[in-house]
Full PDB file with SEQRES, HELIX, SHEET, SSBOND, CRYST1, ORIGX, SCALE, CONECT and MASTER records, all heavy atoms in Angstrom:
SEQRES   1 A   44  THR ASP ASN ALA ASN SER ARG MET ALA ALA ALA PRO GLY          
SEQRES   2 A   44  ASP ALA ARG ARG GLN MET ALA GLY LEU LEU GLU ASP PHE          
SEQRES   3 A   44  VAL GLN ASN VAL ARG GLY VAL ARG HIS ALA LEU LEU ILE          
SEQRES   4 A   44  SER ARG ASP GLY LEU                                          
HELIX    1 AA1 ALA A    4  MET A    8  1                                   5    
HELIX    2 AA2 PRO A   12  ASN A   29  1                                  18    
CRYST1    1.000    1.000    1.000  90.00  90.00  90.00 P 1           1          
ORIGX1      1.000000  0.000000  0.000000        0.00000                         
ORIGX2      0.000000  1.000000  0.000000        0.00000                         
ORIGX3      0.000000  0.000000  1.000000        0.00000                         
SCALE1      1.000000  0.000000  0.000000        0.00000                         
SCALE2      0.000000  1.000000  0.000000        0.00000                         
SCALE3      0.000000  0.000000  1.000000        0.00000                         
ATOM      1  N   THR A   1       5.516  10.729   6.050  1.00  0.00           N  
ATOM      2  CA  THR A   1       5.112  10.686   7.391  1.00  0.00           C  
ATOM      3  C   THR A   1       4.679  12.095   8.020  1.00  0.00           C  
ATOM      4  O   THR A   1       3.894  12.131   8.890  1.00  0.00           O  
ATOM      5  CB  THR A   1       6.148   9.982   8.319  1.00  0.00           C  
ATOM      6  OG1 THR A   1       7.309  10.748   8.263  1.00  0.00           O  
ATOM      7  CG2 THR A   1       6.232   8.536   7.956  1.00  0.00           C  
ATOM      8  N   ASP A   2       5.176  13.155   7.468  1.00  0.00           N  
ATOM      9  CA  ASP A   2       4.900  14.456   7.978  1.00  0.00           C  
ATOM     10  C   ASP A   2       3.542  14.944   7.724  1.00  0.00           C  
ATOM     11  O   ASP A   2       3.011  15.854   8.340  1.00  0.00           O  
ATOM     12  CB  ASP A   2       5.845  15.443   7.594  1.00  0.00           C  
ATOM     13  CG  ASP A   2       5.966  15.656   6.053  1.00  0.00           C  
ATOM     14  OD1 ASP A   2       5.312  14.782   5.429  1.00  0.00           O  
ATOM     15  OD2 ASP A   2       6.586  16.612   5.540  1.00  0.00           O  
ATOM     16  N   ASN A   3       2.698  14.281   6.801  1.00  0.00           N  
ATOM     17  CA  ASN A   3       1.432  14.622   6.469  1.00  0.00           C  
ATOM     18  C   ASN A   3       0.570  13.332   6.702  1.00  0.00           C  
ATOM     19  O   ASN A   3      -0.487  13.024   6.043  1.00  0.00           O  
ATOM     20  CB  ASN A   3       1.232  15.150   5.127  1.00  0.00           C  
ATOM     21  CG  ASN A   3       1.597  14.188   3.995  1.00  0.00           C  
ATOM     22  OD1 ASN A   3       1.983  13.155   4.308  1.00  0.00           O  
ATOM     23  ND2 ASN A   3       1.395  14.592   2.753  1.00  0.00           N  
ATOM     24  N   ALA A   4       0.850  12.487   7.747  1.00  0.00           N  
ATOM     25  CA  ALA A   4       0.023  11.384   7.981  1.00  0.00           C  
ATOM     26  C   ALA A   4      -1.442  11.610   8.405  1.00  0.00           C  
ATOM     27  O   ALA A   4      -2.350  10.916   7.955  1.00  0.00           O  
ATOM     28  CB  ALA A   4       0.662  10.616   9.261  1.00  0.00           C  
ATOM     29  N   ASN A   5      -1.675  12.842   9.052  1.00  0.00           N  
ATOM     30  CA  ASN A   5      -3.066  13.197   9.306  1.00  0.00           C  
ATOM     31  C   ASN A   5      -3.855  13.390   8.047  1.00  0.00           C  
ATOM     32  O   ASN A   5      -5.083  12.979   8.002  1.00  0.00           O  
ATOM     33  CB  ASN A   5      -3.139  14.281  10.252  1.00  0.00           C  
ATOM     34  CG  ASN A   5      -2.519  14.042  11.628  1.00  0.00           C  
ATOM     35  OD1 ASN A   5      -2.543  12.885  12.018  1.00  0.00           O  
ATOM     36  ND2 ASN A   5      -2.163  15.065  12.349  1.00  0.00           N  
ATOM     37  N   SER A   6      -3.386  14.002   7.012  1.00  0.00           N  
ATOM     38  CA  SER A   6      -4.122  14.239   5.921  1.00  0.00           C  
ATOM     39  C   SER A   6      -4.210  13.024   5.106  1.00  0.00           C  
ATOM     40  O   SER A   6      -5.289  12.910   4.458  1.00  0.00           O  
ATOM     41  CB  SER A   6      -3.350  15.289   4.981  1.00  0.00           C  
ATOM     42  OG  SER A   6      -2.152  14.876   4.620  1.00  0.00           O  
ATOM     43  N   ARG A   7      -3.315  12.121   5.137  1.00  0.00           N  
ATOM     44  CA  ARG A   7      -3.455  10.840   4.514  1.00  0.00           C  
ATOM     45  C   ARG A   7      -4.610  10.030   5.089  1.00  0.00           C  
ATOM     46  O   ARG A   7      -5.495   9.339   4.465  1.00  0.00           O  
ATOM     47  CB  ARG A   7      -2.171   9.925   4.419  1.00  0.00           C  
ATOM     48  CG  ARG A   7      -1.092  10.602   3.644  1.00  0.00           C  
ATOM     49  CD  ARG A   7      -1.335  10.524   2.162  1.00  0.00           C  
ATOM     50  NE  ARG A   7      -0.257  11.121   1.427  1.00  0.00           N  
ATOM     51  CZ  ARG A   7      -0.123  11.187   0.270  1.00  0.00           C  
ATOM     52  NH1 ARG A   7      -1.132  10.786  -0.545  1.00  0.00           N  
ATOM     53  NH2 ARG A   7       0.852  11.835  -0.332  1.00  0.00           N  
ATOM     54  N   MET A   8      -4.549   9.904   6.451  1.00  0.00           N  
ATOM     55  CA  MET A   8      -5.542   9.212   7.210  1.00  0.00           C  
ATOM     56  C   MET A   8      -7.030   9.724   7.045  1.00  0.00           C  
ATOM     57  O   MET A   8      -8.030   9.058   6.973  1.00  0.00           O  
ATOM     58  CB  MET A   8      -5.287   9.142   8.700  1.00  0.00           C  
ATOM     59  CG  MET A   8      -4.173   8.049   8.972  1.00  0.00           C  
ATOM     60  SD  MET A   8      -4.350   6.400   8.383  1.00  0.00           S  
ATOM     61  CE  MET A   8      -5.772   5.976   9.406  1.00  0.00           C  
ATOM     62  N   ALA A   9      -7.122  11.076   6.766  1.00  0.00           N  
ATOM     63  CA  ALA A   9      -8.425  11.773   6.526  1.00  0.00           C  
ATOM     64  C   ALA A   9      -8.961  11.390   5.090  1.00  0.00           C  
ATOM     65  O   ALA A   9     -10.067  11.644   4.916  1.00  0.00           O  
ATOM     66  CB  ALA A   9      -8.232  13.287   6.800  1.00  0.00           C  
ATOM     67  N   ALA A  10      -8.036  10.878   4.264  1.00  0.00           N  
ATOM     68  CA  ALA A  10      -8.602  10.582   2.951  1.00  0.00           C  
ATOM     69  C   ALA A  10      -9.525   9.475   2.957  1.00  0.00           C  
ATOM     70  O   ALA A  10      -9.566   8.612   3.959  1.00  0.00           O  
ATOM     71  CB  ALA A  10      -7.283  10.133   2.079  1.00  0.00           C  
ATOM     72  N   ALA A  11     -10.429   9.247   1.982  1.00  0.00           N  
ATOM     73  CA  ALA A  11     -11.445   8.271   1.951  1.00  0.00           C  
ATOM     74  C   ALA A  11     -10.666   6.959   1.910  1.00  0.00           C  
ATOM     75  O   ALA A  11      -9.542   6.780   1.405  1.00  0.00           O  
ATOM     76  CB  ALA A  11     -12.277   8.449   0.699  1.00  0.00           C  
ATOM     77  N   PRO A  12     -11.338   5.956   2.572  1.00  0.00           N  
ATOM     78  CA  PRO A  12     -10.607   4.507   2.606  1.00  0.00           C  
ATOM     79  C   PRO A  12     -10.363   4.038   1.131  1.00  0.00           C  
ATOM     80  O   PRO A  12      -9.205   3.488   0.961  1.00  0.00           O  
ATOM     81  CB  PRO A  12     -11.660   3.654   3.158  1.00  0.00           C  
ATOM     82  CG  PRO A  12     -12.416   4.591   4.037  1.00  0.00           C  
ATOM     83  CD  PRO A  12     -12.555   5.962   3.314  1.00  0.00           C  
ATOM     84  N   GLY A  13     -11.091   4.285   0.117  1.00  0.00           N  
ATOM     85  CA  GLY A  13     -10.721   3.842  -1.239  1.00  0.00           C  
ATOM     86  C   GLY A  13      -9.505   4.495  -1.683  1.00  0.00           C  
ATOM     87  O   GLY A  13      -8.736   3.870  -2.331  1.00  0.00           O  
ATOM     88  N   ASP A  14      -9.312   5.792  -1.468  1.00  0.00           N  
ATOM     89  CA  ASP A  14      -8.182   6.616  -1.845  1.00  0.00           C  
ATOM     90  C   ASP A  14      -6.917   5.989  -1.248  1.00  0.00           C  
ATOM     91  O   ASP A  14      -5.927   5.724  -1.864  1.00  0.00           O  
ATOM     92  CB  ASP A  14      -8.194   8.005  -1.626  1.00  0.00           C  
ATOM     93  CG  ASP A  14      -9.347   8.774  -2.347  1.00  0.00           C  
ATOM     94  OD1 ASP A  14      -9.604   8.108  -3.524  1.00  0.00           O  
ATOM     95  OD2 ASP A  14      -9.629   9.778  -2.009  1.00  0.00           O  
ATOM     96  N   ALA A  15      -7.063   5.646   0.057  1.00  0.00           N  
ATOM     97  CA  ALA A  15      -6.004   5.182   0.879  1.00  0.00           C  
ATOM     98  C   ALA A  15      -5.623   3.756   0.403  1.00  0.00           C  
ATOM     99  O   ALA A  15      -4.423   3.393   0.204  1.00  0.00           O  
ATOM    100  CB  ALA A  15      -6.191   5.105   2.364  1.00  0.00           C  
ATOM    101  N   ARG A  16      -6.612   2.914   0.073  1.00  0.00           N  
ATOM    102  CA  ARG A  16      -6.351   1.567  -0.514  1.00  0.00           C  
ATOM    103  C   ARG A  16      -5.589   1.678  -1.786  1.00  0.00           C  
ATOM    104  O   ARG A  16      -4.706   0.817  -2.138  1.00  0.00           O  
ATOM    105  CB  ARG A  16      -7.593   0.725  -0.627  1.00  0.00           C  
ATOM    106  CG  ARG A  16      -8.114   0.287   0.634  1.00  0.00           C  
ATOM    107  CD  ARG A  16      -9.192  -0.737   0.434  1.00  0.00           C  
ATOM    108  NE  ARG A  16     -10.397  -0.079  -0.046  1.00  0.00           N  
ATOM    109  CZ  ARG A  16     -11.411   0.413   0.556  1.00  0.00           C  
ATOM    110  NH1 ARG A  16     -11.298   0.371   1.970  1.00  0.00           N  
ATOM    111  NH2 ARG A  16     -12.425   0.974  -0.044  1.00  0.00           N  
ATOM    112  N   ARG A  17      -6.014   2.698  -2.672  1.00  0.00           N  
ATOM    113  CA  ARG A  17      -5.347   2.752  -4.062  1.00  0.00           C  
ATOM    114  C   ARG A  17      -3.883   3.283  -3.751  1.00  0.00           C  
ATOM    115  O   ARG A  17      -2.990   2.881  -4.543  1.00  0.00           O  
ATOM    116  CB  ARG A  17      -6.121   3.771  -4.865  1.00  0.00           C  
ATOM    117  CG  ARG A  17      -7.347   3.183  -5.619  1.00  0.00           C  
ATOM    118  CD  ARG A  17      -7.971   4.187  -6.671  1.00  0.00           C  
ATOM    119  NE  ARG A  17      -8.572   5.327  -5.930  1.00  0.00           N  
ATOM    120  CZ  ARG A  17      -9.818   5.361  -5.353  1.00  0.00           C  
ATOM    121  NH1 ARG A  17     -10.515   4.208  -5.341  1.00  0.00           N  
ATOM    122  NH2 ARG A  17     -10.280   6.483  -4.858  1.00  0.00           N  
ATOM    123  N   GLN A  18      -3.673   4.140  -2.851  1.00  0.00           N  
ATOM    124  CA  GLN A  18      -2.360   4.606  -2.554  1.00  0.00           C  
ATOM    125  C   GLN A  18      -1.478   3.367  -2.065  1.00  0.00           C  
ATOM    126  O   GLN A  18      -0.231   3.311  -2.465  1.00  0.00           O  
ATOM    127  CB  GLN A  18      -2.184   5.707  -1.560  1.00  0.00           C  
ATOM    128  CG  GLN A  18      -2.917   6.926  -2.316  1.00  0.00           C  
ATOM    129  CD  GLN A  18      -3.219   8.046  -1.223  1.00  0.00           C  
ATOM    130  OE1 GLN A  18      -3.154   7.889   0.062  1.00  0.00           O  
ATOM    131  NE2 GLN A  18      -3.769   9.245  -1.718  1.00  0.00           N  
ATOM    132  N   MET A  19      -2.054   2.553  -1.141  1.00  0.00           N  
ATOM    133  CA  MET A  19      -1.238   1.450  -0.639  1.00  0.00           C  
ATOM    134  C   MET A  19      -0.994   0.378  -1.776  1.00  0.00           C  
ATOM    135  O   MET A  19       0.011  -0.081  -1.873  1.00  0.00           O  
ATOM    136  CB  MET A  19      -2.022   0.815   0.459  1.00  0.00           C  
ATOM    137  CG  MET A  19      -2.161   1.670   1.713  1.00  0.00           C  
ATOM    138  SD  MET A  19      -3.338   1.101   3.072  1.00  0.00           S  
ATOM    139  CE  MET A  19      -2.137   0.166   3.899  1.00  0.00           C  
ATOM    140  N   ALA A  20      -1.952   0.207  -2.683  1.00  0.00           N  
ATOM    141  CA  ALA A  20      -1.823  -0.624  -3.810  1.00  0.00           C  
ATOM    142  C   ALA A  20      -0.568  -0.135  -4.602  1.00  0.00           C  
ATOM    143  O   ALA A  20       0.227  -0.856  -5.262  1.00  0.00           O  
ATOM    144  CB  ALA A  20      -2.965  -0.785  -4.663  1.00  0.00           C  
ATOM    145  N   GLY A  21      -0.547   1.225  -4.889  1.00  0.00           N  
ATOM    146  CA  GLY A  21       0.531   1.838  -5.547  1.00  0.00           C  
ATOM    147  C   GLY A  21       1.877   1.645  -5.009  1.00  0.00           C  
ATOM    148  O   GLY A  21       2.910   1.378  -5.687  1.00  0.00           O  
ATOM    149  N   LEU A  22       1.897   1.686  -3.626  1.00  0.00           N  
ATOM    150  CA  LEU A  22       3.161   1.418  -2.951  1.00  0.00           C  
ATOM    151  C   LEU A  22       3.674   0.019  -3.280  1.00  0.00           C  
ATOM    152  O   LEU A  22       4.769  -0.241  -3.418  1.00  0.00           O  
ATOM    153  CB  LEU A  22       3.052   1.625  -1.512  1.00  0.00           C  
ATOM    154  CG  LEU A  22       2.918   3.049  -0.946  1.00  0.00           C  
ATOM    155  CD1 LEU A  22       2.504   3.143   0.512  1.00  0.00           C  
ATOM    156  CD2 LEU A  22       4.175   3.752  -1.351  1.00  0.00           C  
ATOM    157  N   LEU A  23       2.612  -1.013  -3.098  1.00  0.00           N  
ATOM    158  CA  LEU A  23       2.909  -2.358  -3.383  1.00  0.00           C  
ATOM    159  C   LEU A  23       3.426  -2.651  -4.883  1.00  0.00           C  
ATOM    160  O   LEU A  23       4.345  -3.252  -5.125  1.00  0.00           O  
ATOM    161  CB  LEU A  23       1.696  -3.315  -3.167  1.00  0.00           C  
ATOM    162  CG  LEU A  23       1.332  -3.385  -1.700  1.00  0.00           C  
ATOM    163  CD1 LEU A  23       0.040  -4.251  -1.658  1.00  0.00           C  
ATOM    164  CD2 LEU A  23       2.496  -4.211  -0.888  1.00  0.00           C  
ATOM    165  N   GLU A  24       2.661  -1.936  -5.873  1.00  0.00           N  
ATOM    166  CA  GLU A  24       3.221  -2.061  -7.279  1.00  0.00           C  
ATOM    167  C   GLU A  24       4.508  -1.554  -7.512  1.00  0.00           C  
ATOM    168  O   GLU A  24       5.384  -2.065  -8.125  1.00  0.00           O  
ATOM    169  CB  GLU A  24       2.143  -1.339  -8.041  1.00  0.00           C  
ATOM    170  CG  GLU A  24       0.861  -2.210  -8.113  1.00  0.00           C  
ATOM    171  CD  GLU A  24      -0.369  -1.325  -8.766  1.00  0.00           C  
ATOM    172  OE1 GLU A  24      -0.197  -0.293  -9.321  1.00  0.00           O  
ATOM    173  OE2 GLU A  24      -1.468  -1.775  -8.501  1.00  0.00           O  
ATOM    174  N   ASP A  25       4.866  -0.356  -6.893  1.00  0.00           N  
ATOM    175  CA  ASP A  25       6.213   0.219  -6.996  1.00  0.00           C  
ATOM    176  C   ASP A  25       7.329  -0.705  -6.392  1.00  0.00           C  
ATOM    177  O   ASP A  25       8.272  -0.952  -6.853  1.00  0.00           O  
ATOM    178  CB  ASP A  25       6.254   1.533  -6.193  1.00  0.00           C  
ATOM    179  CG  ASP A  25       5.557   2.682  -6.979  1.00  0.00           C  
ATOM    180  OD1 ASP A  25       5.245   2.510  -8.106  1.00  0.00           O  
ATOM    181  OD2 ASP A  25       5.309   3.736  -6.288  1.00  0.00           O  
ATOM    182  N   PHE A  26       6.868  -1.320  -5.202  1.00  0.00           N  
ATOM    183  CA  PHE A  26       7.825  -2.156  -4.559  1.00  0.00           C  
ATOM    184  C   PHE A  26       8.090  -3.491  -5.513  1.00  0.00           C  
ATOM    185  O   PHE A  26       9.208  -3.824  -5.713  1.00  0.00           O  
ATOM    186  CB  PHE A  26       7.137  -2.723  -3.370  1.00  0.00           C  
ATOM    187  CG  PHE A  26       7.985  -3.711  -2.481  1.00  0.00           C  
ATOM    188  CD1 PHE A  26       8.921  -3.338  -1.610  1.00  0.00           C  
ATOM    189  CD2 PHE A  26       7.695  -5.029  -2.674  1.00  0.00           C  
ATOM    190  CE1 PHE A  26       9.666  -4.413  -1.032  1.00  0.00           C  
ATOM    191  CE2 PHE A  26       8.455  -6.158  -1.959  1.00  0.00           C  
ATOM    192  CZ  PHE A  26       9.377  -5.633  -1.151  1.00  0.00           C  
ATOM    193  N   VAL A  27       7.091  -3.964  -6.172  1.00  0.00           N  
ATOM    194  CA  VAL A  27       7.320  -5.180  -7.167  1.00  0.00           C  
ATOM    195  C   VAL A  27       8.104  -4.663  -8.292  1.00  0.00           C  
ATOM    196  O   VAL A  27       9.087  -5.345  -8.748  1.00  0.00           O  
ATOM    197  CB  VAL A  27       6.030  -5.745  -7.501  1.00  0.00           C  
ATOM    198  CG1 VAL A  27       6.165  -6.714  -8.729  1.00  0.00           C  
ATOM    199  CG2 VAL A  27       5.240  -6.297  -6.351  1.00  0.00           C  
ATOM    200  N   GLN A  28       7.988  -3.457  -8.699  1.00  0.00           N  
ATOM    201  CA  GLN A  28       8.602  -3.032 -10.005  1.00  0.00           C  
ATOM    202  C   GLN A  28      10.195  -2.685  -9.598  1.00  0.00           C  
ATOM    203  O   GLN A  28      11.052  -2.756 -10.450  1.00  0.00           O  
ATOM    204  CB  GLN A  28       8.010  -1.796 -10.533  1.00  0.00           C  
ATOM    205  CG  GLN A  28       6.643  -2.116 -11.215  1.00  0.00           C  
ATOM    206  CD  GLN A  28       5.923  -0.934 -11.644  1.00  0.00           C  
ATOM    207  OE1 GLN A  28       6.452   0.275 -11.576  1.00  0.00           O  
ATOM    208  NE2 GLN A  28       4.839  -1.022 -12.315  1.00  0.00           N  
ATOM    209  N   ASN A  29      10.412  -2.252  -8.375  1.00  0.00           N  
ATOM    210  CA  ASN A  29      11.673  -1.699  -8.065  1.00  0.00           C  
ATOM    211  C   ASN A  29      12.647  -2.540  -7.239  1.00  0.00           C  
ATOM    212  O   ASN A  29      13.764  -2.195  -7.075  1.00  0.00           O  
ATOM    213  CB  ASN A  29      11.482  -0.235  -7.337  1.00  0.00           C  
ATOM    214  CG  ASN A  29      10.941   0.634  -8.207  1.00  0.00           C  
ATOM    215  OD1 ASN A  29      11.284   0.859  -9.378  1.00  0.00           O  
ATOM    216  ND2 ASN A  29       9.957   1.416  -7.823  1.00  0.00           N  
ATOM    217  N   VAL A  30      12.185  -3.649  -6.639  1.00  0.00           N  
ATOM    218  CA  VAL A  30      13.023  -4.535  -5.972  1.00  0.00           C  
ATOM    219  C   VAL A  30      13.336  -5.780  -6.776  1.00  0.00           C  
ATOM    220  O   VAL A  30      12.395  -6.618  -7.113  1.00  0.00           O  
ATOM    221  CB  VAL A  30      12.262  -4.869  -4.458  1.00  0.00           C  
ATOM    222  CG1 VAL A  30      13.185  -5.878  -3.674  1.00  0.00           C  
ATOM    223  CG2 VAL A  30      12.021  -3.568  -3.687  1.00  0.00           C  
ATOM    224  N   ARG A  31      14.577  -5.891  -7.022  1.00  0.00           N  
ATOM    225  CA  ARG A  31      14.974  -6.954  -7.878  1.00  0.00           C  
ATOM    226  C   ARG A  31      14.553  -8.376  -7.319  1.00  0.00           C  
ATOM    227  O   ARG A  31      14.719  -8.683  -6.120  1.00  0.00           O  
ATOM    228  CB  ARG A  31      16.515  -6.940  -8.061  1.00  0.00           C  
ATOM    229  CG  ARG A  31      16.974  -8.193  -8.926  1.00  0.00           C  
ATOM    230  CD  ARG A  31      18.504  -8.043  -9.067  1.00  0.00           C  
ATOM    231  NE  ARG A  31      18.600  -7.095 -10.180  1.00  0.00           N  
ATOM    232  CZ  ARG A  31      19.826  -6.746 -10.643  1.00  0.00           C  
ATOM    233  NH1 ARG A  31      20.848  -7.168 -10.145  1.00  0.00           N  
ATOM    234  NH2 ARG A  31      19.781  -5.793 -11.607  1.00  0.00           N  
ATOM    235  N   GLY A  32      13.973  -9.237  -8.232  1.00  0.00           N  
ATOM    236  CA  GLY A  32      13.567 -10.530  -7.803  1.00  0.00           C  
ATOM    237  C   GLY A  32      12.140 -10.634  -7.281  1.00  0.00           C  
ATOM    238  O   GLY A  32      11.682 -11.741  -7.178  1.00  0.00           O  
ATOM    239  N   VAL A  33      11.541  -9.520  -6.927  1.00  0.00           N  
ATOM    240  CA  VAL A  33      10.156  -9.645  -6.361  1.00  0.00           C  
ATOM    241  C   VAL A  33       9.143  -9.894  -7.468  1.00  0.00           C  
ATOM    242  O   VAL A  33       9.052  -9.201  -8.373  1.00  0.00           O  
ATOM    243  CB  VAL A  33       9.822  -8.336  -5.521  1.00  0.00           C  
ATOM    244  CG1 VAL A  33       8.427  -8.382  -5.035  1.00  0.00           C  
ATOM    245  CG2 VAL A  33      10.732  -8.341  -4.273  1.00  0.00           C  
ATOM    246  N   ARG A  34       8.194 -10.874  -7.320  1.00  0.00           N  
ATOM    247  CA  ARG A  34       7.185 -11.056  -8.282  1.00  0.00           C  
ATOM    248  C   ARG A  34       5.832 -10.465  -7.865  1.00  0.00           C  
ATOM    249  O   ARG A  34       5.128  -9.869  -8.568  1.00  0.00           O  
ATOM    250  CB  ARG A  34       6.963 -12.625  -8.355  1.00  0.00           C  
ATOM    251  CG  ARG A  34       8.052 -13.377  -9.083  1.00  0.00           C  
ATOM    252  CD  ARG A  34       7.738 -14.813  -9.031  1.00  0.00           C  
ATOM    253  NE  ARG A  34       8.720 -15.478  -9.708  1.00  0.00           N  
ATOM    254  CZ  ARG A  34       8.973 -16.826  -9.668  1.00  0.00           C  
ATOM    255  NH1 ARG A  34       8.055 -17.557  -9.095  1.00  0.00           N  
ATOM    256  NH2 ARG A  34       9.992 -17.375 -10.375  1.00  0.00           N  
ATOM    257  N   HIS A  35       5.411 -10.610  -6.476  1.00  0.00           N  
ATOM    258  CA  HIS A  35       4.256 -10.136  -5.944  1.00  0.00           C  
ATOM    259  C   HIS A  35       4.367  -9.676  -4.540  1.00  0.00           C  
ATOM    260  O   HIS A  35       5.196 -10.131  -3.903  1.00  0.00           O  
ATOM    261  CB  HIS A  35       3.232 -11.335  -5.965  1.00  0.00           C  
ATOM    262  CG  HIS A  35       3.022 -11.995  -7.403  1.00  0.00           C  
ATOM    263  ND1 HIS A  35       2.417 -11.352  -8.373  1.00  0.00           N  
ATOM    264  CD2 HIS A  35       3.419 -13.175  -7.691  1.00  0.00           C  
ATOM    265  CE1 HIS A  35       2.428 -12.174  -9.333  1.00  0.00           C  
ATOM    266  NE2 HIS A  35       2.945 -13.330  -9.081  1.00  0.00           N  
ATOM    267  N   ALA A  36       3.450  -8.738  -4.195  1.00  0.00           N  
ATOM    268  CA  ALA A  36       3.364  -8.200  -2.782  1.00  0.00           C  
ATOM    269  C   ALA A  36       1.827  -8.058  -2.477  1.00  0.00           C  
ATOM    270  O   ALA A  36       1.087  -7.634  -3.316  1.00  0.00           O  
ATOM    271  CB  ALA A  36       4.152  -6.934  -2.607  1.00  0.00           C  
ATOM    272  N   LEU A  37       1.567  -8.458  -1.158  1.00  0.00           N  
ATOM    273  CA  LEU A  37       0.319  -8.317  -0.671  1.00  0.00           C  
ATOM    274  C   LEU A  37       0.262  -7.676   0.657  1.00  0.00           C  
ATOM    275  O   LEU A  37       1.185  -7.955   1.404  1.00  0.00           O  
ATOM    276  CB  LEU A  37      -0.521  -9.703  -0.571  1.00  0.00           C  
ATOM    277  CG  LEU A  37      -0.476 -10.623  -1.697  1.00  0.00           C  
ATOM    278  CD1 LEU A  37       0.674 -11.431  -1.770  1.00  0.00           C  
ATOM    279  CD2 LEU A  37      -1.812 -11.542  -1.474  1.00  0.00           C  
ATOM    280  N   LEU A  38      -0.721  -7.017   0.986  1.00  0.00           N  
ATOM    281  CA  LEU A  38      -0.959  -6.634   2.403  1.00  0.00           C  
ATOM    282  C   LEU A  38      -2.265  -7.463   2.803  1.00  0.00           C  
ATOM    283  O   LEU A  38      -3.304  -7.261   2.169  1.00  0.00           O  
ATOM    284  CB  LEU A  38      -1.306  -5.103   2.486  1.00  0.00           C  
ATOM    285  CG  LEU A  38      -1.342  -4.604   3.960  1.00  0.00           C  
ATOM    286  CD1 LEU A  38      -0.036  -4.771   4.695  1.00  0.00           C  
ATOM    287  CD2 LEU A  38      -1.791  -3.241   3.985  1.00  0.00           C  
ATOM    288  N   ILE A  39      -2.132  -8.285   3.808  1.00  0.00           N  
ATOM    289  CA  ILE A  39      -3.188  -9.130   4.266  1.00  0.00           C  
ATOM    290  C   ILE A  39      -3.538  -8.863   5.686  1.00  0.00           C  
ATOM    291  O   ILE A  39      -2.807  -8.310   6.462  1.00  0.00           O  
ATOM    292  CB  ILE A  39      -2.841 -10.653   4.050  1.00  0.00           C  
ATOM    293  CG1 ILE A  39      -1.682 -11.044   4.937  1.00  0.00           C  
ATOM    294  CG2 ILE A  39      -2.509 -10.837   2.523  1.00  0.00           C  
ATOM    295  CD1 ILE A  39      -1.243 -12.583   4.795  1.00  0.00           C  
ATOM    296  N   SER A  40      -4.602  -9.275   5.996  1.00  0.00           N  
ATOM    297  CA  SER A  40      -5.112  -9.276   7.458  1.00  0.00           C  
ATOM    298  C   SER A  40      -4.404 -10.383   8.287  1.00  0.00           C  
ATOM    299  O   SER A  40      -4.107 -11.357   7.572  1.00  0.00           O  
ATOM    300  CB  SER A  40      -6.713  -9.364   7.740  1.00  0.00           C  
ATOM    301  OG  SER A  40      -7.115 -10.632   7.238  1.00  0.00           O  
ATOM    302  N   ARG A  41      -4.279 -10.181   9.543  1.00  0.00           N  
ATOM    303  CA  ARG A  41      -3.618 -11.257  10.260  1.00  0.00           C  
ATOM    304  C   ARG A  41      -4.440 -12.628  10.260  1.00  0.00           C  
ATOM    305  O   ARG A  41      -3.873 -13.725  10.453  1.00  0.00           O  
ATOM    306  CB  ARG A  41      -3.490 -10.797  11.722  1.00  0.00           C  
ATOM    307  CG  ARG A  41      -2.488  -9.777  12.065  1.00  0.00           C  
ATOM    308  CD  ARG A  41      -1.058 -10.250  12.088  1.00  0.00           C  
ATOM    309  NE  ARG A  41      -0.868 -11.175  13.108  1.00  0.00           N  
ATOM    310  CZ  ARG A  41      -0.558 -10.917  14.388  1.00  0.00           C  
ATOM    311  NH1 ARG A  41      -0.422  -9.746  14.852  1.00  0.00           N  
ATOM    312  NH2 ARG A  41      -0.422 -11.917  15.329  1.00  0.00           N  
ATOM    313  N   ASP A  42      -5.687 -12.548  10.031  1.00  0.00           N  
ATOM    314  CA  ASP A  42      -6.461 -13.744   9.964  1.00  0.00           C  
ATOM    315  C   ASP A  42      -6.571 -14.323   8.505  1.00  0.00           C  
ATOM    316  O   ASP A  42      -7.296 -15.180   8.156  1.00  0.00           O  
ATOM    317  CB  ASP A  42      -7.836 -13.560  10.496  1.00  0.00           C  
ATOM    318  CG  ASP A  42      -8.687 -12.528   9.891  1.00  0.00           C  
ATOM    319  OD1 ASP A  42      -8.188 -11.731   9.093  1.00  0.00           O  
ATOM    320  OD2 ASP A  42      -9.877 -12.364  10.376  1.00  0.00           O  
ATOM    321  N   GLY A  43      -5.635 -13.826   7.602  1.00  0.00           N  
ATOM    322  CA  GLY A  43      -5.405 -14.419   6.216  1.00  0.00           C  
ATOM    323  C   GLY A  43      -6.341 -14.034   5.333  1.00  0.00           C  
ATOM    324  O   GLY A  43      -6.566 -14.848   4.205  1.00  0.00           O  
ATOM    325  N   LEU A  44      -6.782 -12.706   5.197  1.00  0.00           N  
ATOM    326  CA  LEU A  44      -7.733 -12.317   4.062  1.00  0.00           C  
ATOM    327  C   LEU A  44      -6.888 -11.173   3.319  1.00  0.00           C  
ATOM    328  O   LEU A  44      -6.341 -10.284   3.924  1.00  0.00           O  
ATOM    329  CB  LEU A  44      -8.920 -11.630   4.685  1.00  0.00           C  
ATOM    330  CG  LEU A  44      -9.886 -12.627   5.470  1.00  0.00           C  
ATOM    331  CD1 LEU A  44     -10.978 -11.955   6.317  1.00  0.00           C  
ATOM    332  CD2 LEU A  44     -10.350 -13.779   4.458  1.00  0.00           C  
TER     333      LEU A  44                                                      
MASTER        0    0    0    2    0    0    0    6  332    1    0    4          
END                                                                             
């Protein structure tokens, strides 16, 4: 969180890849989790 401004300045594609990496780490590291998604509130 201390470098949030530099992360937000990153290209959207880079940020999406980083967020996907967080989801993949979550699935690998949390016992029993099969899948994780970040979706829009309207279901996309």
